[in-house]
């Protein structure tokens, strides 16, 4: 019986390998076909210029080309097997964007969300969504908040100005250095806002900051998809929340993001994935959170972004 099972397994594995090899050959042929010639040319230009002005069609063509090319080479869907390498890539983000100097990237990040054009409207709407979610869930000014993956810290700064006690964390020492200037600017204005920033990967923030059970609420805004291990990140967030406290995931990308963002991830050499909504909810429950629910886009069609909240039991 054991030999029969092994033989059947080998047959299935052989069939799967043949199927995968055939799909890779098809992907390679499509990538190099005249159909995606323009996509290949756009991609080559984009690798030298992060801010290359592209139409939606051009982004689609370049994205399709590099996905097919990398699938044929075994690089897509992306895998992240080396944690330190992934961490180093996130820390080195400012130095990796083609055609931009580190100082240009720094200025761009520090101006967020005051980017002229549609992005300004987008981020202010997201900030309003965050504050309204807090209001609905009873998180009021004065609450002790922890933000994971804060970048250069604009969200924590805004919340501090509203009266929340905020600590922002990020993996990049350079981002923390710049974020602390936000704290200094508040102090110069003579405001009593409580704000601070610390360096830590999301996966180990509770351990690194000795933050077990310290926060009324922990939240992540558009950053979990950059984490090396999003499951460990949710576990660490659970450890940081006080009994009865809340954990929020704000505006995390859905499944299709893995493909849609792949071109940008390759250009910046960073971690970009989309999530199965069911997998996020399941992990939050497995970590110990109760009353886990969608606050927005319950019917997401695997496309719309995800906002989810859970409560740590008393």
C-alpha atoms as a PDB file:
ATOM      1  CA  UNK A   1       0.000   0.000   0.000  1.00  0.00           C
ATOM      2  CA  UNK A   2       2.843   2.409   0.878  1.00  0.00           C
ATOM      3  CA  UNK A   3       4.522   1.731  -2.468  1.00  0.00           C
ATOM      4  CA  UNK A   4       1.238   2.418  -4.270  1.00  0.00           C
ATOM      5  CA  UNK A   5       0.848   5.734  -2.439  1.00  0.00           C
ATOM      6  CA  UNK A   6       4.432   6.751  -3.257  1.00  0.00           C
ATOM      7  CA  UNK A   7       3.925   5.838  -6.905  1.00  0.00           C
ATOM      8  CA  UNK A   8       0.706   7.848  -7.083  1.00  0.00           C
ATOM      9  CA  UNK A   9       2.428  10.826  -5.443  1.00  0.00           C
ATOM     10  CA  UNK A  10       5.305  10.640  -7.924  1.00  0.00           C
ATOM     11  CA  UNK A  11       2.872  10.540 -10.844  1.00  0.00           C
ATOM     12  CA  UNK A  12       1.054  13.618  -9.540  1.00  0.00           C
ATOM     13  CA  UNK A  13       4.341  15.482  -8.951  1.00  0.00           C
ATOM     14  CA  UNK A  14       5.587  14.612 -12.439  1.00  0.00           C
ATOM     15  CA  UNK A  15       2.329  15.792 -13.995  1.00  0.00           C
ATOM     16  CA  UNK A  16       2.464  19.052 -12.003  1.00  0.00           C
ATOM     17  CA  UNK A  17       6.076  19.677 -13.018  1.00  0.00           C
ATOM     18  CA  UNK A  18       5.248  19.102 -16.675  1.00  0.00           C
ATOM     19  CA  UNK A  19       2.286  21.447 -16.433  1.00  0.00           C
ATOM     20  CA  UNK A  20       4.392  24.115 -14.726  1.00  0.00           C
ATOM     21  CA  UNK A  21       7.166  23.805 -17.304  1.00  0.00           C
ATOM     22  CA  UNK A  22       4.634  24.146 -20.097  1.00  0.00           C
ATOM     23  CA  UNK A  23       3.132  27.254 -18.489  1.00  0.00           C
ATOM     24  CA  UNK A  24       6.608  28.754 -18.100  1.00  0.00           C
ATOM     25  CA  UNK A  25       7.336  28.167 -21.784  1.00  0.00           C
ATOM     26  CA  UNK A  26       4.045  29.811 -22.732  1.00  0.00           C
ATOM     27  CA  UNK A  27       4.788  32.765 -20.428  1.00  0.00           C
ATOM     28  CA  UNK A  28       8.256  33.172 -21.934  1.00  0.00           C
ATOM     29  CA  UNK A  29       6.854  33.086 -25.473  1.00  0.00           C
ATOM     30  CA  UNK A  30       4.214  35.679 -24.616  1.00  0.00           C
ATOM     31  CA  UNK A  31       6.725  37.965 -22.898  1.00  0.00           C
ATOM     32  CA  UNK A  32       8.973  37.977 -25.948  1.00  0.00           C
ATOM     33  CA  UNK A  33       6.131  38.200 -28.459  1.00  0.00           C
ATOM     34  CA  UNK A  34       5.292  41.334 -30.498  1.00  0.00           C
ATOM     35  CA  UNK A  35       2.154  41.621 -28.353  1.00  0.00           C
ATOM     36  CA  UNK A  36       4.260  42.774 -25.381  1.00  0.00           C
ATOM     37  CA  UNK A  37       7.093  44.463 -27.247  1.00  0.00           C
ATOM     38  CA  UNK A  38       5.910  47.866 -26.037  1.00  0.00           C
ATOM     39  CA  UNK A  39       5.674  46.540 -22.468  1.00  0.00           C
ATOM     40  CA  UNK A  40       9.282  45.353 -22.629  1.00  0.00           C
ATOM     41  CA  UNK A  41      10.460  48.732 -23.924  1.00  0.00           C
ATOM     42  CA  UNK A  42       8.516  50.598 -21.222  1.00  0.00           C
ATOM     43  CA  UNK A  43       9.928  48.326 -18.520  1.00  0.00           C
ATOM     44  CA  UNK A  44      13.500  48.952 -19.647  1.00  0.00           C
ATOM     45  CA  UNK A  45      12.908  52.718 -19.497  1.00  0.00           C
ATOM     46  CA  UNK A  46      11.182  52.394 -16.114  1.00  0.00           C
ATOM     47  CA  UNK A  47      14.192  50.599 -14.602  1.00  0.00           C
ATOM     48  CA  UNK A  48      16.136  53.815 -15.132  1.00  0.00           C
ATOM     49  CA  UNK A  49      13.406  56.213 -14.052  1.00  0.00           C
ATOM     50  CA  UNK A  50      11.041  55.523 -11.134  1.00  0.00           C
ATOM     51  CA  UNK A  51       8.917  58.561 -12.029  1.00  0.00           C
ATOM     52  CA  UNK A  52       8.554  57.695 -15.698  1.00  0.00           C
ATOM     53  CA  UNK A  53       5.160  59.182 -16.678  1.00  0.00           C
ATOM     54  CA  UNK A  54       2.993  56.258 -17.730  1.00  0.00           C
ATOM     55  CA  UNK A  55      -0.616  55.893 -18.768  1.00  0.00           C
ATOM     56  CA  UNK A  56      -2.733  53.113 -17.274  1.00  0.00           C
ATOM     57  CA  UNK A  57      -2.289  51.135 -20.474  1.00  0.00           C
ATOM     58  CA  UNK A  58       1.491  51.530 -20.331  1.00  0.00           C
ATOM     59  CA  UNK A  59       1.557  50.418 -16.681  1.00  0.00           C
ATOM     60  CA  UNK A  60      -0.527  47.395 -17.632  1.00  0.00           C
ATOM     61  CA  UNK A  61       1.757  46.528 -20.547  1.00  0.00           C
ATOM     62  CA  UNK A  62       4.954  46.874 -18.522  1.00  0.00           C
ATOM     63  CA  UNK A  63       3.438  44.963 -15.605  1.00  0.00           C
ATOM     64  CA  UNK A  64       2.242  42.142 -17.824  1.00  0.00           C
ATOM     65  CA  UNK A  65       5.654  41.861 -19.445  1.00  0.00           C
ATOM     66  CA  UNK A  66       7.648  41.634 -16.214  1.00  0.00           C
ATOM     67  CA  UNK A  67       5.163  39.236 -14.567  1.00  0.00           C
ATOM     68  CA  UNK A  68       5.300  36.862 -17.546  1.00  0.00           C
ATOM     69  CA  UNK A  69       9.080  37.220 -17.805  1.00  0.00           C
ATOM     70  CA  UNK A  70       9.610  36.530 -14.121  1.00  0.00           C
ATOM     71  CA  UNK A  71       7.081  33.696 -14.046  1.00  0.00           C
ATOM     72  CA  UNK A  72       9.014  32.029 -16.834  1.00  0.00           C
ATOM     73  CA  UNK A  73      12.192  32.472 -14.775  1.00  0.00           C
ATOM     74  CA  UNK A  74      10.569  31.172 -11.569  1.00  0.00           C
ATOM     75  CA  UNK A  75      10.500  34.563  -9.801  1.00  0.00           C
ATOM     76  CA  UNK A  76       6.739  35.166  -9.817  1.00  0.00           C
ATOM     77  CA  UNK A  77       4.741  34.845  -7.589  1.00  0.00           C
ATOM     78  CA  UNK A  78       7.405  36.404  -5.329  1.00  0.00           C
ATOM     79  CA  UNK A  79       8.874  34.471  -2.432  1.00  0.00           C
ATOM     80  CA  UNK A  80      10.862  35.917   0.458  1.00  0.00           C
ATOM     81  CA  UNK A  81      13.051  33.255   1.992  1.00  0.00           C
ATOM     82  CA  UNK A  82      15.789  35.411   3.548  1.00  0.00           C
ATOM     83  CA  UNK A  83      14.472  37.590   6.365  1.00  0.00           C
ATOM     84  CA  UNK A  84      17.603  39.707   6.772  1.00  0.00           C
ATOM     85  CA  UNK A  85      17.786  40.332   3.035  1.00  0.00           C
ATOM     86  CA  UNK A  86      14.151  41.478   3.050  1.00  0.00           C
ATOM     87  CA  UNK A  87      14.817  43.748   6.043  1.00  0.00           C
ATOM     88  CA  UNK A  88      17.888  45.245   4.372  1.00  0.00           C
ATOM     89  CA  UNK A  89      15.902  45.972   1.216  1.00  0.00           C
ATOM     90  CA  UNK A  90      13.252  47.857   3.200  1.00  0.00           C
ATOM     91  CA  UNK A  91      15.882  49.872   5.072  1.00  0.00           C
ATOM     92  CA  UNK A  92      17.692  50.655   1.799  1.00  0.00           C
ATOM     93  CA  UNK A  93      14.480  51.779   0.087  1.00  0.00           C
ATOM     94  CA  UNK A  94      15.653  55.378  -0.336  1.00  0.00           C
ATOM     95  CA  UNK A  95      18.767  54.289  -2.190  1.00  0.00           C
ATOM     96  CA  UNK A  96      17.056  51.859  -4.533  1.00  0.00           C
ATOM     97  CA  UNK A  97      14.563  53.904  -6.534  1.00  0.00           C
ATOM     98  CA  UNK A  98      15.955  54.306 -10.053  1.00  0.00           C
ATOM     99  CA  UNK A  99      16.514  57.863 -11.207  1.00  0.00           C
ATOM    100  CA  UNK A 100      15.961  59.423  -7.771  1.00  0.00           C
ATOM    101  CA  UNK A 101      18.526  60.485  -5.204  1.00  0.00           C
ATOM    102  CA  UNK A 102      18.060  59.472  -1.545  1.00  0.00           C
ATOM    103  CA  UNK A 103      17.396  63.116  -0.675  1.00  0.00           C
ATOM    104  CA  UNK A 104      14.642  63.346  -3.319  1.00  0.00           C
ATOM    105  CA  UNK A 105      13.001  60.237  -1.873  1.00  0.00           C
ATOM    106  CA  UNK A 106      13.332  61.668   1.633  1.00  0.00           C
ATOM    107  CA  UNK A 107      11.671  64.932   0.657  1.00  0.00           C
ATOM    108  CA  UNK A 108       8.895  63.044  -1.131  1.00  0.00           C
ATOM    109  CA  UNK A 109       8.210  60.940   1.969  1.00  0.00           C
ATOM    110  CA  UNK A 110       8.344  63.891   4.354  1.00  0.00           C
ATOM    111  CA  UNK A 111       5.824  65.857   2.273  1.00  0.00           C
ATOM    112  CA  UNK A 112       3.278  63.037   2.515  1.00  0.00           C
ATOM    113  CA  UNK A 113       0.284  63.489   2.460  1.00  0.00           C
ATOM    114  CA  UNK A 114       0.709  66.994   1.047  1.00  0.00           C
ATOM    115  CA  UNK A 115       1.361  65.790  -2.484  1.00  0.00           C
ATOM    116  CA  UNK A 116      -0.266  68.098  -4.967  1.00  0.00           C
ATOM    117  CA  UNK A 117      -2.970  66.344  -6.959  1.00  0.00           C
ATOM    118  CA  UNK A 118      -5.236  63.319  -6.427  1.00  0.00           C
ATOM    119  CA  UNK A 119      -2.924  61.657  -3.883  1.00  0.00           C
ATOM    120  CA  UNK A 120      -3.548  64.450  -1.385  1.00  0.00           C
ATOM    121  CA  UNK A 121      -7.288  63.853  -1.549  1.00  0.00           C
ATOM    122  CA  UNK A 122      -6.719  60.101  -1.286  1.00  0.00           C
ATOM    123  CA  UNK A 123      -4.636  60.241   1.894  1.00  0.00           C
ATOM    124  CA  UNK A 124      -6.831  62.777   3.639  1.00  0.00           C
ATOM    125  CA  UNK A 125      -9.811  60.519   2.980  1.00  0.00           C
ATOM    126  CA  UNK A 126      -7.889  57.597   4.455  1.00  0.00           C
ATOM    127  CA  UNK A 127      -7.029  59.653   7.540  1.00  0.00           C
ATOM    128  CA  UNK A 128     -10.698  60.511   7.985  1.00  0.00           C
ATOM    129  CA  UNK A 129     -11.551  56.811   7.656  1.00  0.00           C
ATOM    130  CA  UNK A 130      -9.042  55.993  10.410  1.00  0.00           C
ATOM    131  CA  UNK A 131     -10.442  58.601  12.819  1.00  0.00           C
ATOM    132  CA  UNK A 132     -14.037  57.588  12.084  1.00  0.00           C
ATOM    133  CA  UNK A 133     -13.155  53.930  12.734  1.00  0.00           C
ATOM    134  CA  UNK A 134     -11.661  54.929  16.089  1.00  0.00           C
ATOM    135  CA  UNK A 135     -14.804  56.915  16.877  1.00  0.00           C
ATOM    136  CA  UNK A 136     -17.086  53.981  16.013  1.00  0.00           C
ATOM    137  CA  UNK A 137     -15.052  51.623  18.180  1.00  0.00           C
ATOM    138  CA  UNK A 138     -14.748  53.929  21.183  1.00  0.00           C
ATOM    139  CA  UNK A 139     -11.073  54.854  20.816  1.00  0.00           C
ATOM    140  CA  UNK A 140     -10.955  58.453  22.030  1.00  0.00           C
ATOM    141  CA  UNK A 141      -8.269  61.161  22.264  1.00  0.00           C
ATOM    142  CA  UNK A 142      -6.026  60.393  25.212  1.00  0.00           C
ATOM    143  CA  UNK A 143      -5.808  56.730  24.231  1.00  0.00           C
ATOM    144  CA  UNK A 144      -2.317  55.240  23.976  1.00  0.00           C
ATOM    145  CA  UNK A 145      -1.824  54.201  20.333  1.00  0.00           C
ATOM    146  CA  UNK A 146       0.901  52.169  18.621  1.00  0.00           C
ATOM    147  CA  UNK A 147       1.363  52.368  14.856  1.00  0.00           C
ATOM    148  CA  UNK A 148       3.358  49.606  13.163  1.00  0.00           C
ATOM    149  CA  UNK A 149       5.099  50.416   9.877  1.00  0.00           C
ATOM    150  CA  UNK A 150       4.688  54.178  10.261  1.00  0.00           C
ATOM    151  CA  UNK A 151       7.282  55.221   7.642  1.00  0.00           C
ATOM    152  CA  UNK A 152       8.209  58.846   8.239  1.00  0.00           C
ATOM    153  CA  UNK A 153       5.292  59.185  10.630  1.00  0.00           C
ATOM    154  CA  UNK A 154       2.654  61.474   9.158  1.00  0.00           C
ATOM    155  CA  UNK A 155      -0.336  59.475  10.420  1.00  0.00           C
ATOM    156  CA  UNK A 156       0.944  59.305  14.013  1.00  0.00           C
ATOM    157  CA  UNK A 157       1.702  63.049  13.904  1.00  0.00           C
ATOM    158  CA  UNK A 158      -1.839  63.915  12.817  1.00  0.00           C
ATOM    159  CA  UNK A 159      -3.350  61.665  15.487  1.00  0.00           C
ATOM    160  CA  UNK A 160      -1.109  63.183  18.154  1.00  0.00           C
ATOM    161  CA  UNK A 161      -2.348  66.628  17.156  1.00  0.00           C
ATOM    162  CA  UNK A 162      -5.900  65.356  17.722  1.00  0.00           C
ATOM    163  CA  UNK A 163      -5.001  64.438  21.300  1.00  0.00           C
ATOM    164  CA  UNK A 164      -3.949  60.788  21.042  1.00  0.00           C
ATOM    165  CA  UNK A 165      -0.776  59.520  22.741  1.00  0.00           C
ATOM    166  CA  UNK A 166       1.071  58.009  19.778  1.00  0.00           C
ATOM    167  CA  UNK A 167       4.143  55.854  19.276  1.00  0.00           C
ATOM    168  CA  UNK A 168       5.119  55.093  15.689  1.00  0.00           C
ATOM    169  CA  UNK A 169       7.493  52.277  14.754  1.00  0.00           C
ATOM    170  CA  UNK A 170       9.289  51.410  11.551  1.00  0.00           C
ATOM    171  CA  UNK A 171      12.187  49.236  10.481  1.00  0.00           C
ATOM    172  CA  UNK A 172      14.213  52.133   9.036  1.00  0.00           C
ATOM    173  CA  UNK A 173      16.490  54.218  11.308  1.00  0.00           C
ATOM    174  CA  UNK A 174      16.530  56.941   8.632  1.00  0.00           C
ATOM    175  CA  UNK A 175      12.726  57.138   8.699  1.00  0.00           C
ATOM    176  CA  UNK A 176      12.712  57.391  12.500  1.00  0.00           C
ATOM    177  CA  UNK A 177      15.316  60.159  12.390  1.00  0.00           C
ATOM    178  CA  UNK A 178      13.112  62.150  10.023  1.00  0.00           C
ATOM    179  CA  UNK A 179       9.908  61.276  11.876  1.00  0.00           C
ATOM    180  CA  UNK A 180      11.361  62.687  15.094  1.00  0.00           C
ATOM    181  CA  UNK A 181      11.537  66.106  13.419  1.00  0.00           C
ATOM    182  CA  UNK A 182       7.717  65.988  13.419  1.00  0.00           C
ATOM    183  CA  UNK A 183       7.855  65.671  17.202  1.00  0.00           C
ATOM    184  CA  UNK A 184      10.292  68.581  17.365  1.00  0.00           C
ATOM    185  CA  UNK A 185       8.035  70.765  15.216  1.00  0.00           C
ATOM    186  CA  UNK A 186       5.131  70.143  17.589  1.00  0.00           C
ATOM    187  CA  UNK A 187       7.311  71.063  20.555  1.00  0.00           C
ATOM    188  CA  UNK A 188       8.476  74.260  18.810  1.00  0.00           C
ATOM    189  CA  UNK A 189       4.826  75.264  18.370  1.00  0.00           C
ATOM    190  CA  UNK A 190       4.331  74.874  22.102  1.00  0.00           C
ATOM    191  CA  UNK A 191       1.692  72.166  21.707  1.00  0.00           C
ATOM    192  CA  UNK A 192       1.190  69.458  24.297  1.00  0.00           C
ATOM    193  CA  UNK A 193       0.865  66.596  21.838  1.00  0.00           C
ATOM    194  CA  UNK A 194       2.359  63.270  22.940  1.00  0.00           C
ATOM    195  CA  UNK A 195       4.316  61.681  20.113  1.00  0.00           C
ATOM    196  CA  UNK A 196       7.365  59.476  19.715  1.00  0.00           C
ATOM    197  CA  UNK A 197       8.987  57.127  17.196  1.00  0.00           C
ATOM    198  CA  UNK A 198      11.122  53.998  17.614  1.00  0.00           C
ATOM    199  CA  UNK A 199      12.966  51.573  15.321  1.00  0.00           C
ATOM    200  CA  UNK A 200      11.579  48.049  15.140  1.00  0.00           C
ATOM    201  CA  UNK A 201      10.497  45.487  12.551  1.00  0.00           C
ATOM    202  CA  UNK A 202       6.774  44.839  12.780  1.00  0.00           C
ATOM    203  CA  UNK A 203       7.224  41.145  13.542  1.00  0.00           C
ATOM    204  CA  UNK A 204       9.117  41.712  16.816  1.00  0.00           C
ATOM    205  CA  UNK A 205       7.861  45.058  18.113  1.00  0.00           C
ATOM    206  CA  UNK A 206       6.491  43.665  21.389  1.00  0.00           C
ATOM    207  CA  UNK A 207       9.819  42.035  22.222  1.00  0.00           C
ATOM    208  CA  UNK A 208      12.048  44.853  20.967  1.00  0.00           C
ATOM    209  CA  UNK A 209      10.207  47.651  22.771  1.00  0.00           C
ATOM    210  CA  UNK A 210       9.119  45.590  25.785  1.00  0.00           C
ATOM    211  CA  UNK A 211       5.626  46.737  24.905  1.00  0.00           C
ATOM    212  CA  UNK A 212       3.517  43.803  26.093  1.00  0.00           C
ATOM    213  CA  UNK A 213       0.040  44.964  27.055  1.00  0.00           C
ATOM    214  CA  UNK A 214       0.848  48.686  26.981  1.00  0.00           C
ATOM    215  CA  UNK A 215      -1.488  50.074  24.318  1.00  0.00           C
ATOM    216  CA  UNK A 216      -5.193  50.808  24.168  1.00  0.00           C
ATOM    217  CA  UNK A 217      -5.067  50.222  20.421  1.00  0.00           C
ATOM    218  CA  UNK A 218      -2.519  49.075  17.866  1.00  0.00           C
ATOM    219  CA  UNK A 219      -2.996  49.838  14.194  1.00  0.00           C
ATOM    220  CA  UNK A 220      -1.356  49.294  10.838  1.00  0.00           C
ATOM    221  CA  UNK A 221      -2.132  51.578   7.920  1.00  0.00           C
ATOM    222  CA  UNK A 222      -1.180  50.326   4.445  1.00  0.00           C
ATOM    223  CA  UNK A 223       1.946  48.594   5.786  1.00  0.00           C
ATOM    224  CA  UNK A 224       1.229  44.964   6.667  1.00  0.00           C
ATOM    225  CA  UNK A 225       1.789  44.009   3.029  1.00  0.00           C
ATOM    226  CA  UNK A 226       5.418  45.164   3.455  1.00  0.00           C
ATOM    227  CA  UNK A 227       6.061  42.913   6.465  1.00  0.00           C
ATOM    228  CA  UNK A 228       8.377  39.957   5.996  1.00  0.00           C
ATOM    229  CA  UNK A 229       6.012  37.749   8.022  1.00  0.00           C
ATOM    230  CA  UNK A 230       2.538  39.208   8.366  1.00  0.00           C
ATOM    231  CA  UNK A 231       1.349  36.398  10.640  1.00  0.00           C
ATOM    232  CA  UNK A 232       4.095  37.089  13.191  1.00  0.00           C
ATOM    233  CA  UNK A 233       3.263  40.786  12.888  1.00  0.00           C
ATOM    234  CA  UNK A 234      -0.334  40.169  13.933  1.00  0.00           C
ATOM    235  CA  UNK A 235       0.886  37.978  16.810  1.00  0.00           C
ATOM    236  CA  UNK A 236       3.211  40.750  17.975  1.00  0.00           C
ATOM    237  CA  UNK A 237       0.419  43.310  17.710  1.00  0.00           C
ATOM    238  CA  UNK A 238      -1.726  41.088  19.942  1.00  0.00           C
ATOM    239  CA  UNK A 239       0.992  41.063  22.585  1.00  0.00           C
ATOM    240  CA  UNK A 240       1.160  44.876  22.565  1.00  0.00           C
ATOM    241  CA  UNK A 241      -2.575  45.443  23.097  1.00  0.00           C
ATOM    242  CA  UNK A 242      -4.024  45.807  26.594  1.00  0.00           C
ATOM    243  CA  UNK A 243      -6.732  43.330  27.601  1.00  0.00           C
ATOM    244  CA  UNK A 244      -9.935  44.723  26.131  1.00  0.00           C
ATOM    245  CA  UNK A 245      -7.944  46.809  23.627  1.00  0.00           C
ATOM    246  CA  UNK A 246      -8.261  46.872  19.841  1.00  0.00           C
ATOM    247  CA  UNK A 247      -6.169  46.030  16.806  1.00  0.00           C
ATOM    248  CA  UNK A 248      -6.933  47.693  13.468  1.00  0.00           C
ATOM    249  CA  UNK A 249      -5.779  46.851   9.969  1.00  0.00           C
ATOM    250  CA  UNK A 250      -6.439  49.864   7.768  1.00  0.00           C
ATOM    251  CA  UNK A 251      -6.647  49.804   3.985  1.00  0.00           C
ATOM    252  CA  UNK A 252      -4.602  46.668   3.372  1.00  0.00           C
ATOM    253  CA  UNK A 253      -4.583  45.480  -0.251  1.00  0.00           C
ATOM    254  CA  UNK A 254      -6.622  42.564  -1.491  1.00  0.00           C
ATOM    255  CA  UNK A 255      -5.443  39.522  -3.464  1.00  0.00           C
ATOM    256  CA  UNK A 256      -4.931  41.249  -6.810  1.00  0.00           C
ATOM    257  CA  UNK A 257      -2.325  43.597  -5.305  1.00  0.00           C
ATOM    258  CA  UNK A 258       0.385  40.943  -5.675  1.00  0.00           C
ATOM    259  CA  UNK A 259       0.110  41.271  -9.451  1.00  0.00           C
ATOM    260  CA  UNK A 260      -0.868  44.948  -9.675  1.00  0.00           C
ATOM    261  CA  UNK A 261       2.039  46.122  -7.506  1.00  0.00           C
ATOM    262  CA  UNK A 262       4.654  43.724  -8.843  1.00  0.00           C
ATOM    263  CA  UNK A 263       6.225  46.223 -11.239  1.00  0.00           C
ATOM    264  CA  UNK A 264       6.751  48.743  -8.435  1.00  0.00           C
ATOM    265  CA  UNK A 265       8.014  46.066  -6.058  1.00  0.00           C
ATOM    266  CA  UNK A 266      10.632  44.994  -8.586  1.00  0.00           C
ATOM    267  CA  UNK A 267      11.724  48.586  -9.125  1.00  0.00           C
ATOM    268  CA  UNK A 268      12.110  49.268  -5.404  1.00  0.00           C
ATOM    269  CA  UNK A 269      13.285  45.764  -4.428  1.00  0.00           C
ATOM    270  CA  UNK A 270      10.718  45.664  -1.631  1.00  0.00           C
ATOM    271  CA  UNK A 271       8.051  43.328  -0.307  1.00  0.00           C
ATOM    272  CA  UNK A 272       4.594  43.814  -1.873  1.00  0.00           C
ATOM    273  CA  UNK A 273       1.806  41.269  -1.538  1.00  0.00           C
ATOM    274  CA  UNK A 274      -1.971  41.210  -1.489  1.00  0.00           C
ATOM    275  CA  UNK A 275      -4.026  39.359   1.095  1.00  0.00           C
ATOM    276  CA  UNK A 276      -6.799  36.840   1.210  1.00  0.00           C
ATOM    277  CA  UNK A 277      -9.383  38.560   3.434  1.00  0.00           C
ATOM    278  CA  UNK A 278     -10.333  35.198   4.951  1.00  0.00           C
ATOM    279  CA  UNK A 279      -6.680  34.492   5.787  1.00  0.00           C
ATOM    280  CA  UNK A 280      -6.335  37.845   7.584  1.00  0.00           C
ATOM    281  CA  UNK A 281      -9.466  37.241   9.651  1.00  0.00           C
ATOM    282  CA  UNK A 282      -8.389  33.683  10.450  1.00  0.00           C
ATOM    283  CA  UNK A 283      -4.933  34.797  11.587  1.00  0.00           C
ATOM    284  CA  UNK A 284      -6.362  37.526  13.796  1.00  0.00           C
ATOM    285  CA  UNK A 285      -8.589  34.923  15.458  1.00  0.00           C
ATOM    286  CA  UNK A 286      -5.709  32.447  15.740  1.00  0.00           C
ATOM    287  CA  UNK A 287      -3.617  35.161  17.417  1.00  0.00           C
ATOM    288  CA  UNK A 288      -6.328  35.524  20.057  1.00  0.00           C
ATOM    289  CA  UNK A 289      -8.457  38.455  18.888  1.00  0.00           C
ATOM    290  CA  UNK A 290     -12.221  38.211  19.299  1.00  0.00           C
ATOM    291  CA  UNK A 291     -15.107  39.998  17.587  1.00  0.00           C
ATOM    292  CA  UNK A 292     -13.031  40.228  14.387  1.00  0.00           C
ATOM    293  CA  UNK A 293     -14.985  42.055  11.719  1.00  0.00           C
ATOM    294  CA  UNK A 294     -14.720  44.128   8.565  1.00  0.00           C
ATOM    295  CA  UNK A 295     -15.271  47.839   9.131  1.00  0.00           C
ATOM    296  CA  UNK A 296     -15.329  48.608   5.416  1.00  0.00           C
ATOM    297  CA  UNK A 297     -15.731  46.708   2.139  1.00  0.00           C
ATOM    298  CA  UNK A 298     -17.196  43.573   3.653  1.00  0.00           C
ATOM    299  CA  UNK A 299     -18.095  42.680   0.068  1.00  0.00           C
ATOM    300  CA  UNK A 300     -14.679  43.229  -1.461  1.00  0.00           C
ATOM    301  CA  UNK A 301     -14.742  41.004  -4.581  1.00  0.00           C
ATOM    302  CA  UNK A 302     -11.036  40.229  -3.980  1.00  0.00           C
ATOM    303  CA  UNK A 303     -10.233  43.724  -5.230  1.00  0.00           C
ATOM    304  CA  UNK A 304     -11.295  46.387  -2.730  1.00  0.00           C
ATOM    305  CA  UNK A 305      -8.932  47.198   0.168  1.00  0.00           C
ATOM    306  CA  UNK A 306      -9.526  45.764   3.614  1.00  0.00           C
ATOM    307  CA  UNK A 307     -10.169  47.437   6.966  1.00  0.00           C
ATOM    308  CA  UNK A 308     -10.560  44.943   9.814  1.00  0.00           C
ATOM    309  CA  UNK A 309     -10.717  45.245  13.602  1.00  0.00           C
ATOM    310  CA  UNK A 310     -10.423  42.738  16.457  1.00  0.00           C
ATOM    311  CA  UNK A 311     -10.557  43.000  20.247  1.00  0.00           C
ATOM    312  CA  UNK A 312      -8.216  41.379  22.764  1.00  0.00           C
ATOM    313  CA  UNK A 313     -10.198  39.558  25.456  1.00  0.00           C
ATOM    314  CA  UNK A 314     -10.330  41.055  28.938  1.00  0.00           C
END
